[in-house]
Amino acid sequence: MLFAMPRFKLGPLIPLLLQSGLVGLAALAGGLLVEVKTALAMLYGGGVAVANAALLVWRWRRGLRDYHCDGGRHLRSFYRSFMERFFVVIFLLAAGFALLGDNPLALLAGFLVGQIAWMLASLTLRERT
């Protein structure tokens, strides 16, 4: 082939897609059982969990490319990844509480569903670290 595209591995993206689907189903259930505001708050909270997992996958894929030769560099990369994810989650949750002040419990429930969905979906990974 003259213009062959590089092969893209979907491995770590499959748990993200499963997580997004489970968050969407939980938000749909919240919307059907309670009201639309609850579904939006759950969807936002789940979106925060998906953003957290996406940062983790991005750092993981970047770490595969940039090999750390010594423990100090690896530990600095680990701390940087932790701080990025922590502050992104705190900022997004605070923004969600400010914007969706009516349903803070639904927002946290959506975040919790997203985190649990990530743990369950990550079982599908074939590559273990």
Protein backbone atom coordinates (compact mmCIF):
# COMPACT_ATOMS: atom_id res chain seq x y z
CA MET A 1 0.00 0.00 0.00
CA LEU A 2 1.20 3.42 -0.87
CA PHE A 3 -0.44 5.28 2.02
CA ALA A 4 -0.65 2.70 4.78
CA MET A 5 -1.95 4.03 8.05
CA PRO A 6 -0.10 2.98 11.19
CA ARG A 7 -1.93 0.33 13.15
CA PHE A 8 -3.65 1.77 16.19
CA LYS A 9 -4.15 -0.50 19.17
CA LEU A 10 -7.54 -0.16 20.83
CA GLY A 11 -6.49 -2.10 23.93
CA PRO A 12 -6.66 0.63 26.61
CA LEU A 13 -9.51 2.45 24.87
CA ILE A 14 -11.94 -0.45 25.23
CA PRO A 15 -12.34 0.06 29.01
CA LEU A 16 -12.97 3.78 28.37
CA LEU A 17 -15.73 2.92 25.90
CA LEU A 18 -17.26 0.40 28.30
CA GLN A 19 -17.05 2.92 31.13
CA SER A 20 -18.76 5.58 29.02
CA GLY A 21 -21.51 3.14 28.08
CA LEU A 22 -22.16 2.15 31.69
CA VAL A 23 -22.25 5.78 32.77
CA GLY A 24 -24.74 6.53 29.98
CA LEU A 25 -26.95 3.63 31.06
CA ALA A 26 -26.87 4.77 34.69
CA ALA A 27 -27.79 8.33 33.66
CA LEU A 28 -30.62 6.98 31.51
CA ALA A 29 -31.92 4.96 34.45
CA GLY A 30 -31.69 8.04 36.69
CA GLY A 31 -33.58 10.08 34.14
CA LEU A 32 -36.30 7.49 33.76
CA LEU A 33 -36.72 6.85 37.48
CA VAL A 34 -36.39 10.38 38.87
CA GLU A 35 -36.10 13.34 36.47
CA VAL A 36 -33.97 14.85 33.75
CA LYS A 37 -31.95 17.04 36.15
CA THR A 38 -30.84 13.92 37.98
CA ALA A 39 -29.80 12.29 34.72
CA LEU A 40 -27.74 15.34 33.73
CA ALA A 41 -26.04 15.46 37.12
CA MET A 42 -25.25 11.74 36.94
CA LEU A 43 -23.96 12.15 33.41
CA TYR A 44 -21.70 15.00 34.49
CA GLY A 45 -20.34 13.02 37.45
CA GLY A 46 -19.72 10.04 35.22
CA GLY A 47 -18.03 12.31 32.71
CA VAL A 48 -15.62 13.43 35.43
CA ALA A 49 -14.75 9.77 36.09
CA VAL A 50 -14.26 9.19 32.35
CA ALA A 51 -11.97 12.24 32.15
CA ASN A 52 -9.97 10.85 35.07
CA ALA A 53 -9.62 7.48 33.35
CA ALA A 54 -8.74 9.13 30.04
CA LEU A 55 -5.87 11.00 31.72
CA LEU A 56 -4.69 7.71 33.20
CA VAL A 57 -4.76 5.98 29.80
CA TRP A 58 -2.98 8.93 28.18
CA ARG A 59 -0.21 8.83 30.78
CA TRP A 60 0.03 5.05 30.46
CA ARG A 61 0.41 5.20 26.68
CA ARG A 62 2.95 8.02 27.00
CA GLY A 63 4.89 5.99 29.54
CA LEU A 64 5.12 3.11 27.09
CA ARG A 65 6.73 5.42 24.55
CA ASP A 66 9.02 7.37 26.92
CA TYR A 67 10.88 4.68 28.82
CA HIS A 68 12.21 5.77 32.21
CA CYS A 69 15.65 4.35 32.83
CA ASP A 70 15.87 5.07 36.52
CA GLY A 71 13.55 4.90 39.47
CA GLY A 72 13.68 8.63 40.21
CA ARG A 73 12.34 9.62 36.80
CA HIS A 74 9.66 6.96 37.00
CA LEU A 75 8.60 8.15 40.46
CA ARG A 76 8.45 11.79 39.28
CA SER A 77 6.25 10.74 36.38
CA PHE A 78 4.00 8.83 38.77
CA TYR A 79 3.63 11.82 41.09
CA ARG A 80 2.97 14.17 38.20
CA SER A 81 0.26 11.88 36.85
CA PHE A 82 -1.31 11.64 40.31
CA MET A 83 -1.34 15.41 40.79
CA GLU A 84 -2.77 16.06 37.30
CA ARG A 85 -5.61 13.61 37.79
CA PHE A 86 -6.31 14.77 41.36
CA PHE A 87 -6.59 18.45 40.46
CA VAL A 88 -8.61 17.81 37.30
CA VAL A 89 -11.12 15.74 39.28
CA ILE A 90 -11.32 18.29 42.12
CA PHE A 91 -11.76 21.19 39.68
CA LEU A 92 -14.42 19.41 37.60
CA LEU A 93 -16.36 18.24 40.65
CA ALA A 94 -16.26 21.73 42.16
CA ALA A 95 -17.51 23.20 38.88
CA GLY A 96 -20.25 20.58 38.78
CA PHE A 97 -21.33 21.37 42.34
CA ALA A 98 -21.44 25.07 41.47
CA LEU A 99 -23.37 24.61 38.21
CA LEU A 100 -25.61 21.71 39.24
CA GLY A 101 -26.22 22.72 42.82
CA ASP A 102 -29.66 21.11 42.91
CA ASN A 103 -28.42 17.52 42.70
CA PRO A 104 -25.07 17.07 44.43
CA LEU A 105 -25.92 13.52 45.47
CA ALA A 106 -26.73 12.53 41.89
CA LEU A 107 -23.45 14.07 40.73
CA LEU A 108 -21.51 12.03 43.28
CA ALA A 109 -23.53 8.92 42.39
CA GLY A 110 -22.59 9.41 38.74
CA PHE A 111 -18.94 9.81 39.68
CA LEU A 112 -19.12 6.67 41.81
CA VAL A 113 -20.77 4.71 38.99
CA GLY A 114 -18.05 5.92 36.64
CA GLN A 115 -15.26 4.85 38.99
CA ILE A 116 -16.81 1.42 39.57
CA ALA A 117 -17.38 1.05 35.83
CA TRP A 118 -13.69 1.84 35.23
CA MET A 119 -12.62 -0.84 37.71
CA LEU A 120 -14.91 -3.42 36.11
CA ALA A 121 -14.06 -2.41 32.55
CA SER A 122 -10.32 -2.48 33.19
CA LEU A 123 -10.64 -6.23 33.73
CA THR A 124 -10.96 -6.48 29.94
CA LEU A 125 -7.36 -5.34 29.41
CA ARG A 126 -5.12 -8.08 28.15
CA GLU A 127 -1.90 -6.17 28.78
CA ARG A 128 -1.02 -6.09 32.45
CA THR A 129 1.46 -3.71 33.94
